[in-house]
């Protein structure tokens, strides 16, 4: 008996770059069946758990499924109230180099016992979507005169929309609304902005104007969520919950007005560029 399709889909990235032609294995752990497919030319893959040519036993609600690519695995539980599950694979390779200077001024036998410990802190949401391979290397040098070198570690903010950007708009903290909720709102906002502009937008790598529009729309979604209201696309409604943490947040109407101003400006710019390209083509 055929089943309603349940599609497992997503993108595979390494060091932030989409990976075409990569093998992705989707295994139904509960049914002990799996299928392997290749990502397309833009690093995307899709597998239907209901495809009996790949999974003869099909799938059931509550099945445990594991997706693997680039040596990284992600797991989820089948929820038949949905049509599918998005599972993205991300791999970042981080290289850390340690420099050690040994004082060899005296002709004596010395044994150095070296212990190195380090911690990489990754937010819970990012850790659930991205694997970080940490590859430390150690370089040991000896000098006749003892000297000390200082290594400065500089961290750089990853571009794109961040949960803190959304919370800053509303003067909220992580305790008021967690990262996982904010990330869902950011993704939904990015889809809506993309539809408004009729173009593909990746919230993790977009222009400053697109980033601002997504941030404002996600903030509007957050207000609706906190008050018990609803938000679908550009349709918003506040709930009847009284939320004290929103006392310092700007009014919903102000955020809507600023968001619409940004969208209108970007649409106008798109129109000007299209007209410019048209006249250049005629020339």
C-alpha atoms as a PDB file:
ATOM      1  CA  UNK A   1       0.000   0.000   0.000  1.00  0.00           C
ATOM      2  CA  UNK A   2       1.475   3.353  -1.005  1.00  0.00           C
ATOM      3  CA  UNK A   3       2.075   5.998   1.640  1.00  0.00           C
ATOM      4  CA  UNK A   4       1.732   9.733   1.731  1.00  0.00           C
ATOM      5  CA  UNK A   5       5.208  11.077   0.848  1.00  0.00           C
ATOM      6  CA  UNK A   6       7.420  12.105   3.764  1.00  0.00           C
ATOM      7  CA  UNK A   7      10.390  13.945   2.285  1.00  0.00           C
ATOM      8  CA  UNK A   8      13.713  14.371   4.049  1.00  0.00           C
ATOM      9  CA  UNK A   9      15.495  17.282   2.382  1.00  0.00           C
ATOM     10  CA  UNK A  10      18.157  19.907   2.979  1.00  0.00           C
ATOM     11  CA  UNK A  11      21.511  21.342   1.996  1.00  0.00           C
ATOM     12  CA  UNK A  12      25.077  20.231   2.622  1.00  0.00           C
ATOM     13  CA  UNK A  13      27.745  22.848   3.336  1.00  0.00           C
ATOM     14  CA  UNK A  14      31.435  22.703   4.183  1.00  0.00           C
ATOM     15  CA  UNK A  15      33.137  25.821   5.526  1.00  0.00           C
ATOM     16  CA  UNK A  16      30.048  27.795   4.497  1.00  0.00           C
ATOM     17  CA  UNK A  17      30.109  26.585   0.852  1.00  0.00           C
ATOM     18  CA  UNK A  18      27.383  24.440  -0.706  1.00  0.00           C
ATOM     19  CA  UNK A  19      28.699  20.993  -1.673  1.00  0.00           C
ATOM     20  CA  UNK A  20      27.516  19.470  -5.003  1.00  0.00           C
ATOM     21  CA  UNK A  21      27.993  15.764  -5.732  1.00  0.00           C
ATOM     22  CA  UNK A  22      28.266  14.720  -2.048  1.00  0.00           C
ATOM     23  CA  UNK A  23      26.819  11.399  -0.870  1.00  0.00           C
ATOM     24  CA  UNK A  24      24.001  11.742   1.664  1.00  0.00           C
ATOM     25  CA  UNK A  25      22.731   8.632   3.472  1.00  0.00           C
ATOM     26  CA  UNK A  26      19.231   8.757   4.969  1.00  0.00           C
ATOM     27  CA  UNK A  27      18.681   5.791   7.299  1.00  0.00           C
ATOM     28  CA  UNK A  28      15.420   4.792   8.930  1.00  0.00           C
ATOM     29  CA  UNK A  29      16.974   3.442  12.128  1.00  0.00           C
ATOM     30  CA  UNK A  30      13.700   1.979  13.382  1.00  0.00           C
ATOM     31  CA  UNK A  31      13.067   0.025  10.151  1.00  0.00           C
ATOM     32  CA  UNK A  32      16.813  -0.664   9.630  1.00  0.00           C
ATOM     33  CA  UNK A  33      16.685   0.530   6.008  1.00  0.00           C
ATOM     34  CA  UNK A  34      18.643   3.242   4.249  1.00  0.00           C
ATOM     35  CA  UNK A  35      19.192   4.975   0.915  1.00  0.00           C
ATOM     36  CA  UNK A  36      22.102   7.041  -0.392  1.00  0.00           C
ATOM     37  CA  UNK A  37      21.686   9.937  -2.823  1.00  0.00           C
ATOM     38  CA  UNK A  38      23.943  12.647  -4.244  1.00  0.00           C
ATOM     39  CA  UNK A  39      23.512  16.383  -3.714  1.00  0.00           C
ATOM     40  CA  UNK A  40      22.654  18.352  -6.858  1.00  0.00           C
ATOM     41  CA  UNK A  41      24.694  21.190  -8.375  1.00  0.00           C
ATOM     42  CA  UNK A  42      23.654  23.576  -5.575  1.00  0.00           C
ATOM     43  CA  UNK A  43      24.269  21.152  -2.705  1.00  0.00           C
ATOM     44  CA  UNK A  44      20.634  20.100  -2.183  1.00  0.00           C
ATOM     45  CA  UNK A  45      19.241  16.592  -1.625  1.00  0.00           C
ATOM     46  CA  UNK A  46      15.802  15.044  -1.109  1.00  0.00           C
ATOM     47  CA  UNK A  47      14.622  11.503  -0.235  1.00  0.00           C
ATOM     48  CA  UNK A  48      11.043  10.253   0.235  1.00  0.00           C
ATOM     49  CA  UNK A  49      10.773   7.802   3.146  1.00  0.00           C
ATOM     50  CA  UNK A  50       7.552   6.551   1.538  1.00  0.00           C
ATOM     51  CA  UNK A  51       9.355   5.522  -1.672  1.00  0.00           C
ATOM     52  CA  UNK A  52       9.140   1.713  -1.494  1.00  0.00           C
ATOM     53  CA  UNK A  53      11.855   1.339  -4.155  1.00  0.00           C
ATOM     54  CA  UNK A  54      14.247   2.708  -1.523  1.00  0.00           C
ATOM     55  CA  UNK A  55      12.460   1.801   1.738  1.00  0.00           C
ATOM     56  CA  UNK A  56      10.442  -1.378   1.288  1.00  0.00           C
ATOM     57  CA  UNK A  57       8.962  -1.101   4.796  1.00  0.00           C
ATOM     58  CA  UNK A  58       7.966   2.541   4.346  1.00  0.00           C
ATOM     59  CA  UNK A  59       7.815   4.665   7.486  1.00  0.00           C
ATOM     60  CA  UNK A  60       5.691   5.134  10.604  1.00  0.00           C
ATOM     61  CA  UNK A  61       5.011   7.990  12.984  1.00  0.00           C
ATOM     62  CA  UNK A  62       7.751   8.089  15.617  1.00  0.00           C
ATOM     63  CA  UNK A  63      10.410   6.346  13.496  1.00  0.00           C
ATOM     64  CA  UNK A  64      13.965   7.438  14.282  1.00  0.00           C
ATOM     65  CA  UNK A  65      15.819   8.677  11.190  1.00  0.00           C
ATOM     66  CA  UNK A  66      19.522   9.511  10.805  1.00  0.00           C
ATOM     67  CA  UNK A  67      21.001  11.648   8.000  1.00  0.00           C
ATOM     68  CA  UNK A  68      24.766  11.445   7.324  1.00  0.00           C
ATOM     69  CA  UNK A  69      27.131  13.361   5.022  1.00  0.00           C
ATOM     70  CA  UNK A  70      30.782  14.489   5.197  1.00  0.00           C
ATOM     71  CA  UNK A  71      31.202  12.332   8.301  1.00  0.00           C
ATOM     72  CA  UNK A  72      28.477  14.330  10.101  1.00  0.00           C
ATOM     73  CA  UNK A  73      25.205  12.809  11.335  1.00  0.00           C
ATOM     74  CA  UNK A  74      21.879  14.393  12.288  1.00  0.00           C
ATOM     75  CA  UNK A  75      18.856  12.597  13.788  1.00  0.00           C
ATOM     76  CA  UNK A  76      15.157  13.366  14.036  1.00  0.00           C
ATOM     77  CA  UNK A  77      11.855  11.618  14.763  1.00  0.00           C
ATOM     78  CA  UNK A  78       9.203  11.250  12.063  1.00  0.00           C
ATOM     79  CA  UNK A  79       6.126  13.380  12.734  1.00  0.00           C
ATOM     80  CA  UNK A  80       3.382  12.390  10.309  1.00  0.00           C
ATOM     81  CA  UNK A  81       1.493  15.620  10.950  1.00  0.00           C
ATOM     82  CA  UNK A  82       4.109  17.244   8.709  1.00  0.00           C
ATOM     83  CA  UNK A  83       4.847  16.515   5.042  1.00  0.00           C
ATOM     84  CA  UNK A  84       8.582  16.184   5.606  1.00  0.00           C
ATOM     85  CA  UNK A  85      11.661  17.213   7.592  1.00  0.00           C
ATOM     86  CA  UNK A  86      14.437  19.680   6.712  1.00  0.00           C
ATOM     87  CA  UNK A  87      17.860  18.399   7.770  1.00  0.00           C
ATOM     88  CA  UNK A  88      20.856  20.544   6.825  1.00  0.00           C
ATOM     89  CA  UNK A  89      24.423  19.286   7.194  1.00  0.00           C
ATOM     90  CA  UNK A  90      27.157  21.809   7.973  1.00  0.00           C
ATOM     91  CA  UNK A  91      30.850  21.171   8.584  1.00  0.00           C
ATOM     92  CA  UNK A  92      33.453  23.718   9.609  1.00  0.00           C
ATOM     93  CA  UNK A  93      37.108  22.779   9.991  1.00  0.00           C
ATOM     94  CA  UNK A  94      38.964  24.935  12.504  1.00  0.00           C
ATOM     95  CA  UNK A  95      42.756  24.853  12.641  1.00  0.00           C
ATOM     96  CA  UNK A  96      44.449  25.951  15.886  1.00  0.00           C
ATOM     97  CA  UNK A  97      48.229  26.351  16.116  1.00  0.00           C
ATOM     98  CA  UNK A  98      50.159  26.513  19.385  1.00  0.00           C
ATOM     99  CA  UNK A  99      53.667  27.972  19.591  1.00  0.00           C
ATOM    100  CA  UNK A 100      55.910  26.815  22.453  1.00  0.00           C
ATOM    101  CA  UNK A 101      59.283  28.354  23.252  1.00  0.00           C
ATOM    102  CA  UNK A 102      61.803  26.352  25.315  1.00  0.00           C
ATOM    103  CA  UNK A 103      64.707  27.981  27.215  1.00  0.00           C
ATOM    104  CA  UNK A 104      67.841  26.040  26.213  1.00  0.00           C
ATOM    105  CA  UNK A 105      70.405  28.419  27.717  1.00  0.00           C
ATOM    106  CA  UNK A 106      71.923  25.774  29.978  1.00  0.00           C
ATOM    107  CA  UNK A 107      73.462  22.478  28.949  1.00  0.00           C
ATOM    108  CA  UNK A 108      71.310  20.316  31.164  1.00  0.00           C
ATOM    109  CA  UNK A 109      68.822  17.582  30.468  1.00  0.00           C
ATOM    110  CA  UNK A 110      65.262  18.805  30.871  1.00  0.00           C
ATOM    111  CA  UNK A 111      62.027  16.930  30.303  1.00  0.00           C
ATOM    112  CA  UNK A 112      59.015  19.099  29.459  1.00  0.00           C
ATOM    113  CA  UNK A 113      55.574  17.648  30.126  1.00  0.00           C
ATOM    114  CA  UNK A 114      53.097  19.581  28.010  1.00  0.00           C
ATOM    115  CA  UNK A 115      49.368  19.655  28.716  1.00  0.00           C
ATOM    116  CA  UNK A 116      47.110  21.743  26.506  1.00  0.00           C
ATOM    117  CA  UNK A 117      43.386  22.214  27.019  1.00  0.00           C
ATOM    118  CA  UNK A 118      40.980  24.432  25.128  1.00  0.00           C
ATOM    119  CA  UNK A 119      37.242  24.893  24.841  1.00  0.00           C
ATOM    120  CA  UNK A 120      35.189  25.899  21.820  1.00  0.00           C
ATOM    121  CA  UNK A 121      31.847  27.408  22.797  1.00  0.00           C
ATOM    122  CA  UNK A 122      29.055  27.026  20.230  1.00  0.00           C
ATOM    123  CA  UNK A 123      25.440  28.045  20.798  1.00  0.00           C
ATOM    124  CA  UNK A 124      22.993  25.172  21.213  1.00  0.00           C
ATOM    125  CA  UNK A 125      21.145  25.924  17.968  1.00  0.00           C
ATOM    126  CA  UNK A 126      24.277  26.165  15.854  1.00  0.00           C
ATOM    127  CA  UNK A 127      25.691  23.014  17.449  1.00  0.00           C
ATOM    128  CA  UNK A 128      22.543  21.143  16.404  1.00  0.00           C
ATOM    129  CA  UNK A 129      23.092  22.108  12.758  1.00  0.00           C
ATOM    130  CA  UNK A 130      26.853  22.353  12.367  1.00  0.00           C
ATOM    131  CA  UNK A 131      29.819  20.140  13.220  1.00  0.00           C
ATOM    132  CA  UNK A 132      33.172  21.717  14.038  1.00  0.00           C
ATOM    133  CA  UNK A 133      36.334  19.685  13.416  1.00  0.00           C
ATOM    134  CA  UNK A 134      39.046  21.136  15.667  1.00  0.00           C
ATOM    135  CA  UNK A 135      42.537  20.287  14.410  1.00  0.00           C
ATOM    136  CA  UNK A 136      45.234  21.510  16.827  1.00  0.00           C
ATOM    137  CA  UNK A 137      48.917  21.549  15.816  1.00  0.00           C
ATOM    138  CA  UNK A 138      51.854  22.187  18.139  1.00  0.00           C
ATOM    139  CA  UNK A 139      55.138  23.808  17.111  1.00  0.00           C
ATOM    140  CA  UNK A 140      58.088  23.584  19.527  1.00  0.00           C
ATOM    141  CA  UNK A 141      61.177  25.804  19.168  1.00  0.00           C
ATOM    142  CA  UNK A 142      64.368  26.069  21.237  1.00  0.00           C
ATOM    143  CA  UNK A 143      66.356  29.265  21.740  1.00  0.00           C
ATOM    144  CA  UNK A 144      69.617  30.108  23.456  1.00  0.00           C
ATOM    145  CA  UNK A 145      67.932  32.976  25.309  1.00  0.00           C
ATOM    146  CA  UNK A 146      64.549  32.644  26.919  1.00  0.00           C
ATOM    147  CA  UNK A 147      61.764  34.772  25.435  1.00  0.00           C
ATOM    148  CA  UNK A 148      58.011  34.941  25.582  1.00  0.00           C
ATOM    149  CA  UNK A 149      55.575  35.374  22.727  1.00  0.00           C
ATOM    150  CA  UNK A 150      51.979  36.488  23.091  1.00  0.00           C
ATOM    151  CA  UNK A 151      49.363  35.140  20.699  1.00  0.00           C
ATOM    152  CA  UNK A 152      46.206  37.207  20.279  1.00  0.00           C
ATOM    153  CA  UNK A 153      43.045  35.384  19.311  1.00  0.00           C
ATOM    154  CA  UNK A 154      40.485  37.486  17.438  1.00  0.00           C
ATOM    155  CA  UNK A 155      36.949  36.267  16.939  1.00  0.00           C
ATOM    156  CA  UNK A 156      34.817  37.599  14.110  1.00  0.00           C
ATOM    157  CA  UNK A 157      31.026  37.654  14.070  1.00  0.00           C
ATOM    158  CA  UNK A 158      29.517  35.395  11.422  1.00  0.00           C
ATOM    159  CA  UNK A 159      27.579  37.555   8.903  1.00  0.00           C
ATOM    160  CA  UNK A 160      23.821  37.311   8.634  1.00  0.00           C
ATOM    161  CA  UNK A 161      20.867  37.647  10.992  1.00  0.00           C
ATOM    162  CA  UNK A 162      21.600  36.657  14.588  1.00  0.00           C
ATOM    163  CA  UNK A 163      19.071  36.069  17.429  1.00  0.00           C
ATOM    164  CA  UNK A 164      20.709  38.885  19.399  1.00  0.00           C
ATOM    165  CA  UNK A 165      19.888  41.287  16.531  1.00  0.00           C
ATOM    166  CA  UNK A 166      16.193  40.466  16.907  1.00  0.00           C
ATOM    167  CA  UNK A 167      16.258  40.693  20.703  1.00  0.00           C
ATOM    168  CA  UNK A 168      18.082  44.047  20.531  1.00  0.00           C
ATOM    169  CA  UNK A 169      15.197  45.508  18.497  1.00  0.00           C
ATOM    170  CA  UNK A 170      12.794  44.596  21.323  1.00  0.00           C
ATOM    171  CA  UNK A 171      15.183  45.226  24.255  1.00  0.00           C
ATOM    172  CA  UNK A 172      14.899  41.576  25.297  1.00  0.00           C
ATOM    173  CA  UNK A 173      17.391  39.069  26.663  1.00  0.00           C
ATOM    174  CA  UNK A 174      17.988  35.379  25.955  1.00  0.00           C
ATOM    175  CA  UNK A 175      16.001  34.529  29.092  1.00  0.00           C
ATOM    176  CA  UNK A 176      12.925  36.261  27.627  1.00  0.00           C
ATOM    177  CA  UNK A 177      12.907  34.266  24.384  1.00  0.00           C
ATOM    178  CA  UNK A 178      15.503  31.545  23.563  1.00  0.00           C
ATOM    179  CA  UNK A 179      17.666  31.171  20.452  1.00  0.00           C
ATOM    180  CA  UNK A 180      15.768  28.186  19.040  1.00  0.00           C
ATOM    181  CA  UNK A 181      12.495  30.165  18.923  1.00  0.00           C
ATOM    182  CA  UNK A 182      14.228  33.206  17.419  1.00  0.00           C
ATOM    183  CA  UNK A 183      15.934  31.104  14.715  1.00  0.00           C
ATOM    184  CA  UNK A 184      12.558  29.707  13.625  1.00  0.00           C
ATOM    185  CA  UNK A 185      11.204  33.256  13.321  1.00  0.00           C
ATOM    186  CA  UNK A 186      14.296  34.356  11.385  1.00  0.00           C
ATOM    187  CA  UNK A 187      13.873  31.504   8.885  1.00  0.00           C
ATOM    188  CA  UNK A 188      10.174  32.314   8.405  1.00  0.00           C
ATOM    189  CA  UNK A 189      10.942  36.008   8.018  1.00  0.00           C
ATOM    190  CA  UNK A 190      13.646  35.253   5.416  1.00  0.00           C
ATOM    191  CA  UNK A 191      11.149  33.226   3.356  1.00  0.00           C
ATOM    192  CA  UNK A 192       8.587  36.050   3.499  1.00  0.00           C
ATOM    193  CA  UNK A 193      11.130  38.721   2.501  1.00  0.00           C
ATOM    194  CA  UNK A 194      12.328  36.491  -0.359  1.00  0.00           C
ATOM    195  CA  UNK A 195       8.755  36.130  -1.621  1.00  0.00           C
ATOM    196  CA  UNK A 196       8.178  39.891  -1.380  1.00  0.00           C
ATOM    197  CA  UNK A 197      11.328  40.600  -3.418  1.00  0.00           C
ATOM    198  CA  UNK A 198      10.885  37.586  -5.735  1.00  0.00           C
ATOM    199  CA  UNK A 199      14.447  36.400  -5.152  1.00  0.00           C
ATOM    200  CA  UNK A 200      16.304  33.758  -3.167  1.00  0.00           C
ATOM    201  CA  UNK A 201      17.649  34.984   0.180  1.00  0.00           C
ATOM    202  CA  UNK A 202      19.907  33.169   2.635  1.00  0.00           C
ATOM    203  CA  UNK A 203      19.538  34.814   6.064  1.00  0.00           C
ATOM    204  CA  UNK A 204      23.076  33.710   6.993  1.00  0.00           C
ATOM    205  CA  UNK A 205      24.600  35.600   4.046  1.00  0.00           C
ATOM    206  CA  UNK A 206      22.553  38.539   2.762  1.00  0.00           C
ATOM    207  CA  UNK A 207      22.822  42.261   2.109  1.00  0.00           C
ATOM    208  CA  UNK A 208      22.576  44.794   4.941  1.00  0.00           C
ATOM    209  CA  UNK A 209      19.109  45.914   3.799  1.00  0.00           C
ATOM    210  CA  UNK A 210      17.855  42.315   3.561  1.00  0.00           C
ATOM    211  CA  UNK A 211      19.360  41.600   6.992  1.00  0.00           C
ATOM    212  CA  UNK A 212      17.562  44.618   8.490  1.00  0.00           C
ATOM    213  CA  UNK A 213      14.226  43.654   6.905  1.00  0.00           C
ATOM    214  CA  UNK A 214      14.482  40.047   8.138  1.00  0.00           C
ATOM    215  CA  UNK A 215      15.440  41.262  11.625  1.00  0.00           C
ATOM    216  CA  UNK A 216      12.447  43.628  11.830  1.00  0.00           C
ATOM    217  CA  UNK A 217       9.991  41.002  10.569  1.00  0.00           C
ATOM    218  CA  UNK A 218      11.365  38.394  12.998  1.00  0.00           C
ATOM    219  CA  UNK A 219      10.935  40.969  15.817  1.00  0.00           C
ATOM    220  CA  UNK A 220       7.283  41.424  14.781  1.00  0.00           C
ATOM    221  CA  UNK A 221       6.841  37.637  14.863  1.00  0.00           C
ATOM    222  CA  UNK A 222       8.421  37.604  18.346  1.00  0.00           C
ATOM    223  CA  UNK A 223       5.928  40.185  19.666  1.00  0.00           C
ATOM    224  CA  UNK A 224       3.018  38.152  18.284  1.00  0.00           C
ATOM    225  CA  UNK A 225       4.466  34.978  19.829  1.00  0.00           C
ATOM    226  CA  UNK A 226       5.000  36.531  23.274  1.00  0.00           C
ATOM    227  CA  UNK A 227       1.497  38.015  23.404  1.00  0.00           C
ATOM    228  CA  UNK A 228      -0.151  34.785  22.247  1.00  0.00           C
ATOM    229  CA  UNK A 229      -1.060  36.213  18.863  1.00  0.00           C
ATOM    230  CA  UNK A 230      -0.375  34.862  15.390  1.00  0.00           C
ATOM    231  CA  UNK A 231       1.781  35.787  12.409  1.00  0.00           C
ATOM    232  CA  UNK A 232       1.626  34.284   8.930  1.00  0.00           C
ATOM    233  CA  UNK A 233       3.619  36.015   6.211  1.00  0.00           C
ATOM    234  CA  UNK A 234       2.683  39.694   6.489  1.00  0.00           C
ATOM    235  CA  UNK A 235      -0.548  39.065   8.423  1.00  0.00           C
ATOM    236  CA  UNK A 236      -0.125  39.781  12.148  1.00  0.00           C
ATOM    237  CA  UNK A 237      -2.384  39.790  15.170  1.00  0.00           C
ATOM    238  CA  UNK A 238      -1.552  40.409  18.819  1.00  0.00           C
ATOM    239  CA  UNK A 239      -2.800  38.135  21.558  1.00  0.00           C
ATOM    240  CA  UNK A 240      -4.353  39.101  24.892  1.00  0.00           C
ATOM    241  CA  UNK A 241      -1.378  38.135  27.044  1.00  0.00           C
ATOM    242  CA  UNK A 242       0.111  40.957  29.098  1.00  0.00           C
ATOM    243  CA  UNK A 243       3.907  40.639  28.735  1.00  0.00           C
ATOM    244  CA  UNK A 244       5.944  42.881  31.029  1.00  0.00           C
ATOM    245  CA  UNK A 245       9.208  42.224  29.167  1.00  0.00           C
ATOM    246  CA  UNK A 246       7.771  44.102  26.156  1.00  0.00           C
ATOM    247  CA  UNK A 247       7.351  47.347  28.097  1.00  0.00           C
ATOM    248  CA  UNK A 248      10.510  48.788  26.483  1.00  0.00           C
ATOM    249  CA  UNK A 249       9.822  47.369  22.996  1.00  0.00           C
ATOM    250  CA  UNK A 250       8.765  49.708  20.174  1.00  0.00           C
ATOM    251  CA  UNK A 251       5.071  49.543  19.140  1.00  0.00           C
ATOM    252  CA  UNK A 252       4.126  46.935  16.559  1.00  0.00           C
ATOM    253  CA  UNK A 253       2.899  49.667  14.190  1.00  0.00           C
ATOM    254  CA  UNK A 254       6.321  51.339  14.222  1.00  0.00           C
ATOM    255  CA  UNK A 255       8.092  48.080  13.340  1.00  0.00           C
ATOM    256  CA  UNK A 256       5.561  47.357  10.574  1.00  0.00           C
ATOM    257  CA  UNK A 257       6.028  50.840   9.107  1.00  0.00           C
ATOM    258  CA  UNK A 258       9.828  50.570   9.115  1.00  0.00           C
ATOM    259  CA  UNK A 259       9.704  47.067   7.613  1.00  0.00           C
ATOM    260  CA  UNK A 260       7.377  48.209   4.811  1.00  0.00           C
ATOM    261  CA  UNK A 261       9.618  51.222   4.122  1.00  0.00           C
ATOM    262  CA  UNK A 262      12.610  48.895   3.659  1.00  0.00           C
ATOM    263  CA  UNK A 263      10.705  46.507   1.399  1.00  0.00           C
ATOM    264  CA  UNK A 264       9.385  49.378  -0.751  1.00  0.00           C
ATOM    265  CA  UNK A 265      12.884  50.845  -1.081  1.00  0.00           C
ATOM    266  CA  UNK A 266      14.390  47.502  -2.117  1.00  0.00           C
ATOM    267  CA  UNK A 267      11.590  46.915  -4.654  1.00  0.00           C
ATOM    268  CA  UNK A 268      12.136  50.367  -6.131  1.00  0.00           C
ATOM    269  CA  UNK A 269      15.872  49.714  -6.412  1.00  0.00           C
ATOM    270  CA  UNK A 270      15.208  46.381  -8.119  1.00  0.00           C
ATOM    271  CA  UNK A 271      12.927  48.122 -10.613  1.00  0.00           C
ATOM    272  CA  UNK A 272      15.565  50.788 -11.368  1.00  0.00           C
ATOM    273  CA  UNK A 273      18.225  48.130 -11.939  1.00  0.00           C
ATOM    274  CA  UNK A 274      15.929  46.148 -14.247  1.00  0.00           C
ATOM    275  CA  UNK A 275      15.167  49.274 -16.287  1.00  0.00           C
ATOM    276  CA  UNK A 276      18.866  50.135 -16.452  1.00  0.00           C
ATOM    277  CA  UNK A 277      19.723  46.619 -17.677  1.00  0.00           C
ATOM    278  CA  UNK A 278      16.922  46.874 -20.251  1.00  0.00           C
ATOM    279  CA  UNK A 279      18.211  50.123 -21.754  1.00  0.00           C
ATOM    280  CA  UNK A 280      21.796  48.865 -21.680  1.00  0.00           C
ATOM    281  CA  UNK A 281      20.617  45.813 -23.622  1.00  0.00           C
ATOM    282  CA  UNK A 282      18.946  48.034 -26.224  1.00  0.00           C
ATOM    283  CA  UNK A 283      22.130  50.032 -26.653  1.00  0.00           C
END
